[in-house]
């Protein structure tokens, strides 16, 4: 059973974070949004937050946007 989550991403932050705000998840990453590095770091942080393998988190939309939709398997 999978579910989709909406994630708002902030890049180039001083301290990385994952938090829930008004039913959405906000993730802050230190890396710049270049060559998908920020997206990969978001997946790593979501993996730690939910306690699931990175391979179970798939970016479905928002590759070049701060608003993204991930599928959790």
PDB file of N, CA and C in Angstrom:
ATOM      1  N   UNK A   1       0.849  -1.181   0.000  1.00  0.00           N
ATOM      2  CA  UNK A   1       0.000   0.000   0.000  1.00  0.00           C
ATOM      3  C   UNK A   1       0.894   1.243   0.000  1.00  0.00           C
ATOM      4  N   UNK A   2       0.642   2.132  -0.915  1.00  0.00           N
ATOM      5  CA  UNK A   2       1.461   3.335  -1.003  1.00  0.00           C
ATOM      6  C   UNK A   2       0.618   4.563  -0.691  1.00  0.00           C
ATOM      7  N   UNK A   3       1.305   5.633  -0.375  1.00  0.00           N
ATOM      8  CA  UNK A   3       0.613   6.904  -0.149  1.00  0.00           C
ATOM      9  C   UNK A   3       1.465   8.024  -0.718  1.00  0.00           C
ATOM     10  N   UNK A   4       0.805   9.123  -1.017  1.00  0.00           N
ATOM     11  CA  UNK A   4       1.500  10.285  -1.562  1.00  0.00           C
ATOM     12  C   UNK A   4       1.546  11.381  -0.512  1.00  0.00           C
ATOM     13  N   UNK A   5       2.660  12.073  -0.482  1.00  0.00           N
ATOM     14  CA  UNK A   5       2.800  13.182   0.457  1.00  0.00           C
ATOM     15  C   UNK A   5       3.257  14.423  -0.301  1.00  0.00           C
ATOM     16  N   UNK A   6       2.772  15.564   0.147  1.00  0.00           N
ATOM     17  CA  UNK A   6       3.200  16.847  -0.408  1.00  0.00           C
ATOM     18  C   UNK A   6       4.351  17.368   0.441  1.00  0.00           C
ATOM     19  N   UNK A   7       5.392  17.808  -0.222  1.00  0.00           N
ATOM     20  CA  UNK A   7       6.588  18.277   0.475  1.00  0.00           C
ATOM     21  C   UNK A   7       7.000  19.631  -0.097  1.00  0.00           C
ATOM     22  N   UNK A   8       7.251  20.571   0.796  1.00  0.00           N
ATOM     23  CA  UNK A   8       7.802  21.871   0.398  1.00  0.00           C
ATOM     24  C   UNK A   8       9.276  21.864   0.782  1.00  0.00           C
ATOM     25  N   UNK A   9      10.126  22.155  -0.184  1.00  0.00           N
ATOM     26  CA  UNK A   9      11.567  22.062   0.030  1.00  0.00           C
ATOM     27  C   UNK A   9      12.201  23.445   0.071  1.00  0.00           C
ATOM     28  N   UNK A  10      13.068  23.630   1.049  1.00  0.00           N
ATOM     29  CA  UNK A  10      13.879  24.847   1.143  1.00  0.00           C
ATOM     30  C   UNK A  10      15.333  24.412   1.003  1.00  0.00           C
ATOM     31  N   UNK A  11      16.052  25.054   0.086  1.00  0.00           N
ATOM     32  CA  UNK A  11      17.454  24.697  -0.129  1.00  0.00           C
ATOM     33  C   UNK A  11      18.371  25.746   0.493  1.00  0.00           C
ATOM     34  N   UNK A  12      19.622  25.366   0.627  1.00  0.00           N
ATOM     35  CA  UNK A  12      20.661  26.266   1.133  1.00  0.00           C
ATOM     36  C   UNK A  12      20.362  26.774   2.547  1.00  0.00           C
ATOM     37  N   UNK A  13      19.787  25.914   3.391  1.00  0.00           N
ATOM     38  CA  UNK A  13      19.504  26.307   4.771  1.00  0.00           C
ATOM     39  C   UNK A  13      20.733  26.037   5.639  1.00  0.00           C
ATOM     40  N   UNK A  14      20.784  26.694   6.761  1.00  0.00           N
ATOM     41  CA  UNK A  14      21.917  26.520   7.673  1.00  0.00           C
ATOM     42  C   UNK A  14      21.857  25.162   8.368  1.00  0.00           C
ATOM     43  N   UNK A  15      20.657  24.789   8.842  1.00  0.00           N
ATOM     44  CA  UNK A  15      20.468  23.495   9.501  1.00  0.00           C
ATOM     45  C   UNK A  15      19.381  22.720   8.792  1.00  0.00           C
ATOM     46  N   UNK A  16      19.662  21.467   8.468  1.00  0.00           N
ATOM     47  CA  UNK A  16      18.668  20.637   7.785  1.00  0.00           C
ATOM     48  C   UNK A  16      17.550  20.269   8.753  1.00  0.00           C
ATOM     49  N   UNK A  17      16.341  20.109   8.211  1.00  0.00           N
ATOM     50  CA  UNK A  17      15.190  19.773   9.050  1.00  0.00           C
ATOM     51  C   UNK A  17      14.115  19.067   8.243  1.00  0.00           C
ATOM     52  N   UNK A  18      13.254  18.354   8.972  1.00  0.00           N
ATOM     53  CA  UNK A  18      12.007  17.803   8.441  1.00  0.00           C
ATOM     54  C   UNK A  18      10.961  18.116   9.488  1.00  0.00           C
ATOM     55  N   UNK A  19       9.867  18.764   9.072  1.00  0.00           N
ATOM     56  CA  UNK A  19       8.801  19.099  10.022  1.00  0.00           C
ATOM     57  C   UNK A  19       7.459  19.113   9.303  1.00  0.00           C
ATOM     58  N   UNK A  20       6.410  18.877  10.092  1.00  0.00           N
ATOM     59  CA  UNK A  20       5.054  18.919   9.549  1.00  0.00           C
ATOM     60  C   UNK A  20       4.434  20.268   9.875  1.00  0.00           C
ATOM     61  N   UNK A  21       3.854  20.896   8.837  1.00  0.00           N
ATOM     62  CA  UNK A  21       3.213  22.196   8.993  1.00  0.00           C
ATOM     63  C   UNK A  21       1.901  22.166   8.222  1.00  0.00           C
ATOM     64  N   UNK A  22       0.793  22.303   8.937  1.00  0.00           N
ATOM     65  CA  UNK A  22      -0.534  22.362   8.329  1.00  0.00           C
ATOM     66  C   UNK A  22      -0.794  21.201   7.373  1.00  0.00           C
ATOM     67  N   UNK A  23      -0.473  20.001   7.797  1.00  0.00           N
ATOM     68  CA  UNK A  23      -0.742  18.813   7.001  1.00  0.00           C
ATOM     69  C   UNK A  23       0.249  18.552   5.879  1.00  0.00           C
ATOM     70  N   UNK A  24       1.220  19.426   5.704  1.00  0.00           N
ATOM     71  CA  UNK A  24       2.255  19.220   4.695  1.00  0.00           C
ATOM     72  C   UNK A  24       3.589  19.050   5.399  1.00  0.00           C
ATOM     73  N   UNK A  25       4.526  18.513   4.674  1.00  0.00           N
ATOM     74  CA  UNK A  25       5.854  18.318   5.234  1.00  0.00           C
ATOM     75  C   UNK A  25       6.796  19.333   4.610  1.00  0.00           C
ATOM     76  N   UNK A  26       7.595  19.978   5.452  1.00  0.00           N
ATOM     77  CA  UNK A  26       8.631  20.900   4.987  1.00  0.00           C
ATOM     78  C   UNK A  26       9.982  20.248   5.247  1.00  0.00           C
ATOM     79  N   UNK A  27      10.852  20.341   4.258  1.00  0.00           N
ATOM     80  CA  UNK A  27      12.193  19.788   4.386  1.00  0.00           C
ATOM     81  C   UNK A  27      13.188  20.873   3.999  1.00  0.00           C
ATOM     82  N   UNK A  28      14.192  21.061   4.831  1.00  0.00           N
ATOM     83  CA  UNK A  28      15.266  22.000   4.533  1.00  0.00           C
ATOM     84  C   UNK A  28      16.557  21.239   4.320  1.00  0.00           C
ATOM     85  N   UNK A  29      17.236  21.539   3.218  1.00  0.00           N
ATOM     86  CA  UNK A  29      18.504  20.871   2.909  1.00  0.00           C
ATOM     87  C   UNK A  29      19.601  21.910   2.707  1.00  0.00           C
ATOM     88  N   UNK A  30      20.823  21.535   3.027  1.00  0.00           N
ATOM     89  CA  UNK A  30      21.961  22.447   2.891  1.00  0.00           C
ATOM     90  C   UNK A  30      22.417  22.601   1.445  1.00  0.00           C
ATOM     91  N   UNK A  31      22.210  21.578   0.639  1.00  0.00           N
ATOM     92  CA  UNK A  31      22.757  21.576  -0.724  1.00  0.00           C
ATOM     93  C   UNK A  31      21.953  22.458  -1.672  1.00  0.00           C
ATOM     94  N   UNK A  32      22.611  22.879  -2.739  1.00  0.00           N
ATOM     95  CA  UNK A  32      21.958  23.687  -3.772  1.00  0.00           C
ATOM     96  C   UNK A  32      21.168  22.773  -4.711  1.00  0.00           C
ATOM     97  N   UNK A  33      20.134  23.307  -5.327  1.00  0.00           N
ATOM     98  CA  UNK A  33      19.319  22.495  -6.241  1.00  0.00           C
ATOM     99  C   UNK A  33      19.990  22.346  -7.609  1.00  0.00           C
ATOM    100  N   UNK A  34      21.124  21.669  -7.625  1.00  0.00           N
ATOM    101  CA  UNK A  34      21.886  21.473  -8.856  1.00  0.00           C
ATOM    102  C   UNK A  34      22.058  19.979  -9.106  1.00  0.00           C
ATOM    103  N   UNK A  35      21.770  19.557 -10.331  1.00  0.00           N
ATOM    104  CA  UNK A  35      21.939  18.159 -10.756  1.00  0.00           C
ATOM    105  C   UNK A  35      21.188  17.168  -9.870  1.00  0.00           C
ATOM    106  N   UNK A  36      20.059  17.569  -9.313  1.00  0.00           N
ATOM    107  CA  UNK A  36      19.238  16.660  -8.514  1.00  0.00           C
ATOM    108  C   UNK A  36      19.790  16.354  -7.133  1.00  0.00           C
ATOM    109  N   UNK A  37      20.834  17.058  -6.722  1.00  0.00           N
ATOM    110  CA  UNK A  37      21.440  16.783  -5.412  1.00  0.00           C
ATOM    111  C   UNK A  37      20.487  17.111  -4.268  1.00  0.00           C
ATOM    112  N   UNK A  38      19.738  18.186  -4.397  1.00  0.00           N
ATOM    113  CA  UNK A  38      18.786  18.551  -3.342  1.00  0.00           C
ATOM    114  C   UNK A  38      17.672  17.508  -3.259  1.00  0.00           C
ATOM    115  N   UNK A  39      17.170  17.056  -4.405  1.00  0.00           N
ATOM    116  CA  UNK A  39      16.124  16.033  -4.406  1.00  0.00           C
ATOM    117  C   UNK A  39      16.617  14.759  -3.729  1.00  0.00           C
ATOM    118  N   UNK A  40      17.851  14.361  -4.021  1.00  0.00           N
ATOM    119  CA  UNK A  40      18.411  13.160  -3.409  1.00  0.00           C
ATOM    120  C   UNK A  40      18.549  13.335  -1.897  1.00  0.00           C
ATOM    121  N   UNK A  41      18.960  14.503  -1.454  1.00  0.00           N
ATOM    122  CA  UNK A  41      19.097  14.753  -0.011  1.00  0.00           C
ATOM    123  C   UNK A  41      17.737  14.756   0.667  1.00  0.00           C
ATOM    124  N   UNK A  42      16.712  15.285  -0.004  1.00  0.00           N
ATOM    125  CA  UNK A  42      15.354  15.257   0.550  1.00  0.00           C
ATOM    126  C   UNK A  42      14.916  13.810   0.755  1.00  0.00           C
ATOM    127  N   UNK A  43      15.180  12.951  -0.213  1.00  0.00           N
ATOM    128  CA  UNK A  43      14.823  11.534  -0.082  1.00  0.00           C
ATOM    129  C   UNK A  43      15.551  10.913   1.107  1.00  0.00           C
ATOM    130  N   UNK A  44      16.819  11.240   1.285  1.00  0.00           N
ATOM    131  CA  UNK A  44      17.581  10.712   2.426  1.00  0.00           C
ATOM    132  C   UNK A  44      16.973  11.161   3.753  1.00  0.00           C
ATOM    133  N   UNK A  45      16.610  12.437   3.853  1.00  0.00           N
ATOM    134  CA  UNK A  45      16.032  12.955   5.097  1.00  0.00           C
ATOM    135  C   UNK A  45      14.648  12.366   5.357  1.00  0.00           C
ATOM    136  N   UNK A  46      13.833  12.216   4.312  1.00  0.00           N
ATOM    137  CA  UNK A  46      12.511  11.600   4.484  1.00  0.00           C
ATOM    138  C   UNK A  46      12.653  10.142   4.911  1.00  0.00           C
ATOM    139  N   UNK A  47      13.650   9.459   4.385  1.00  0.00           N
ATOM    140  CA  UNK A  47      13.914   8.074   4.760  1.00  0.00           C
ATOM    141  C   UNK A  47      14.207   7.963   6.254  1.00  0.00           C
ATOM    142  N   UNK A  48      15.039   8.862   6.759  1.00  0.00           N
ATOM    143  CA  UNK A  48      15.348   8.875   8.194  1.00  0.00           C
ATOM    144  C   UNK A  48      14.110   9.233   9.015  1.00  0.00           C
ATOM    145  N   UNK A  49      13.350  10.217   8.560  1.00  0.00           N
ATOM    146  CA  UNK A  49      12.170  10.707   9.281  1.00  0.00           C
ATOM    147  C   UNK A  49      11.112   9.613   9.421  1.00  0.00           C
ATOM    148  N   UNK A  50      10.843   8.890   8.324  1.00  0.00           N
ATOM    149  CA  UNK A  50       9.810   7.853   8.335  1.00  0.00           C
ATOM    150  C   UNK A  50      10.348   6.484   8.744  1.00  0.00           C
ATOM    151  N   UNK A  51      11.671   6.340   8.817  1.00  0.00           N
ATOM    152  CA  UNK A  51      12.266   5.062   9.198  1.00  0.00           C
ATOM    153  C   UNK A  51      12.078   3.983   8.147  1.00  0.00           C
ATOM    154  N   UNK A  52      12.182   4.364   6.879  1.00  0.00           N
ATOM    155  CA  UNK A  52      12.021   3.413   5.778  1.00  0.00           C
ATOM    156  C   UNK A  52      13.215   3.543   4.829  1.00  0.00           C
ATOM    157  N   UNK A  53      13.437   2.520   3.990  1.00  0.00           N
ATOM    158  CA  UNK A  53      14.554   2.604   3.039  1.00  0.00           C
ATOM    159  C   UNK A  53      14.350   3.705   1.997  1.00  0.00           C
ATOM    160  N   UNK A  54      15.447   4.284   1.532  1.00  0.00           N
ATOM    161  CA  UNK A  54      15.379   5.326   0.498  1.00  0.00           C
ATOM    162  C   UNK A  54      14.707   4.803  -0.761  1.00  0.00           C
ATOM    163  N   UNK A  55      14.876   3.517  -1.040  1.00  0.00           N
ATOM    164  CA  UNK A  55      14.292   2.929  -2.251  1.00  0.00           C
ATOM    165  C   UNK A  55      12.770   2.911  -2.212  1.00  0.00           C
ATOM    166  N   UNK A  56      12.171   3.138  -1.049  1.00  0.00           N
ATOM    167  CA  UNK A  56      10.711   3.165  -0.914  1.00  0.00           C
ATOM    168  C   UNK A  56      10.133   4.566  -1.060  1.00  0.00           C
ATOM    169  N   UNK A  57      10.955   5.538  -1.412  1.00  0.00           N
ATOM    170  CA  UNK A  57      10.495   6.920  -1.586  1.00  0.00           C
ATOM    171  C   UNK A  57      10.781   7.336  -3.021  1.00  0.00           C
ATOM    172  N   UNK A  58       9.717   7.701  -3.740  1.00  0.00           N
ATOM    173  CA  UNK A  58       9.842   8.040  -5.160  1.00  0.00           C
ATOM    174  C   UNK A  58       9.305   9.443  -5.397  1.00  0.00           C
ATOM    175  N   UNK A  59      10.095  10.260  -6.059  1.00  0.00           N
ATOM    176  CA  UNK A  59       9.660  11.606  -6.435  1.00  0.00           C
ATOM    177  C   UNK A  59       8.749  11.489  -7.649  1.00  0.00           C
ATOM    178  N   UNK A  60       7.478  11.856  -7.492  1.00  0.00           N
ATOM    179  CA  UNK A  60       6.495  11.726  -8.570  1.00  0.00           C
ATOM    180  C   UNK A  60       6.344  13.002  -9.380  1.00  0.00           C
ATOM    181  N   UNK A  61       6.416  14.156  -8.735  1.00  0.00           N
ATOM    182  CA  UNK A  61       6.316  15.418  -9.475  1.00  0.00           C
ATOM    183  C   UNK A  61       7.031  16.518  -8.705  1.00  0.00           C
ATOM    184  N   UNK A  62       7.415  17.566  -9.445  1.00  0.00           N
ATOM    185  CA  UNK A  62       8.090  18.697  -8.830  1.00  0.00           C
ATOM    186  C   UNK A  62       9.597  18.607  -8.875  1.00  0.00           C
ATOM    187  N   UNK A  63      10.132  17.960  -9.904  1.00  0.00           N
ATOM    188  CA  UNK A  63      11.588  17.785  -9.999  1.00  0.00           C
ATOM    189  C   UNK A  63      12.344  19.107  -9.911  1.00  0.00           C
ATOM    190  N   UNK A  64      11.781  20.156 -10.496  1.00  0.00           N
ATOM    191  CA  UNK A  64      12.468  21.454 -10.508  1.00  0.00           C
ATOM    192  C   UNK A  64      11.672  22.515  -9.765  1.00  0.00           C
ATOM    193  N   UNK A  65      10.832  22.084  -8.848  1.00  0.00           N
ATOM    194  CA  UNK A  65       9.978  22.992  -8.089  1.00  0.00           C
ATOM    195  C   UNK A  65      10.254  22.810  -6.603  1.00  0.00           C
ATOM    196  N   UNK A  66       9.926  23.829  -5.816  1.00  0.00           N
ATOM    197  CA  UNK A  66      10.076  23.674  -4.364  1.00  0.00           C
ATOM    198  C   UNK A  66       8.924  22.863  -3.781  1.00  0.00           C
ATOM    199  N   UNK A  67       7.810  22.765  -4.513  1.00  0.00           N
ATOM    200  CA  UNK A  67       6.672  21.951  -4.086  1.00  0.00           C
ATOM    201  C   UNK A  67       6.717  20.623  -4.823  1.00  0.00           C
ATOM    202  N   UNK A  68       6.819  19.547  -4.070  1.00  0.00           N
ATOM    203  CA  UNK A  68       7.015  18.227  -4.654  1.00  0.00           C
ATOM    204  C   UNK A  68       5.986  17.241  -4.123  1.00  0.00           C
ATOM    205  N   UNK A  69       5.772  16.186  -4.880  1.00  0.00           N
ATOM    206  CA  UNK A  69       4.931  15.082  -4.430  1.00  0.00           C
ATOM    207  C   UNK A  69       5.782  13.819  -4.469  1.00  0.00           C
ATOM    208  N   UNK A  70       5.847  13.147  -3.323  1.00  0.00           N
ATOM    209  CA  UNK A  70       6.576  11.893  -3.208  1.00  0.00           C
ATOM    210  C   UNK A  70       5.589  10.768  -2.964  1.00  0.00           C
ATOM    211  N   UNK A  71       5.922   9.599  -3.488  1.00  0.00           N
ATOM    212  CA  UNK A  71       5.151   8.393  -3.202  1.00  0.00           C
ATOM    213  C   UNK A  71       5.962   7.553  -2.231  1.00  0.00           C
ATOM    214  N   UNK A  72       5.303   7.147  -1.159  1.00  0.00           N
ATOM    215  CA  UNK A  72       5.921   6.301  -0.138  1.00  0.00           C
ATOM    216  C   UNK A  72       5.383   4.893  -0.334  1.00  0.00           C
ATOM    217  N   UNK A  73       6.262   3.945  -0.590  1.00  0.00           N
ATOM    218  CA  UNK A  73       5.848   2.555  -0.814  1.00  0.00           C
ATOM    219  C   UNK A  73       5.838   1.770   0.470  1.00  0.00           C
TER     220      UNK A  73
END
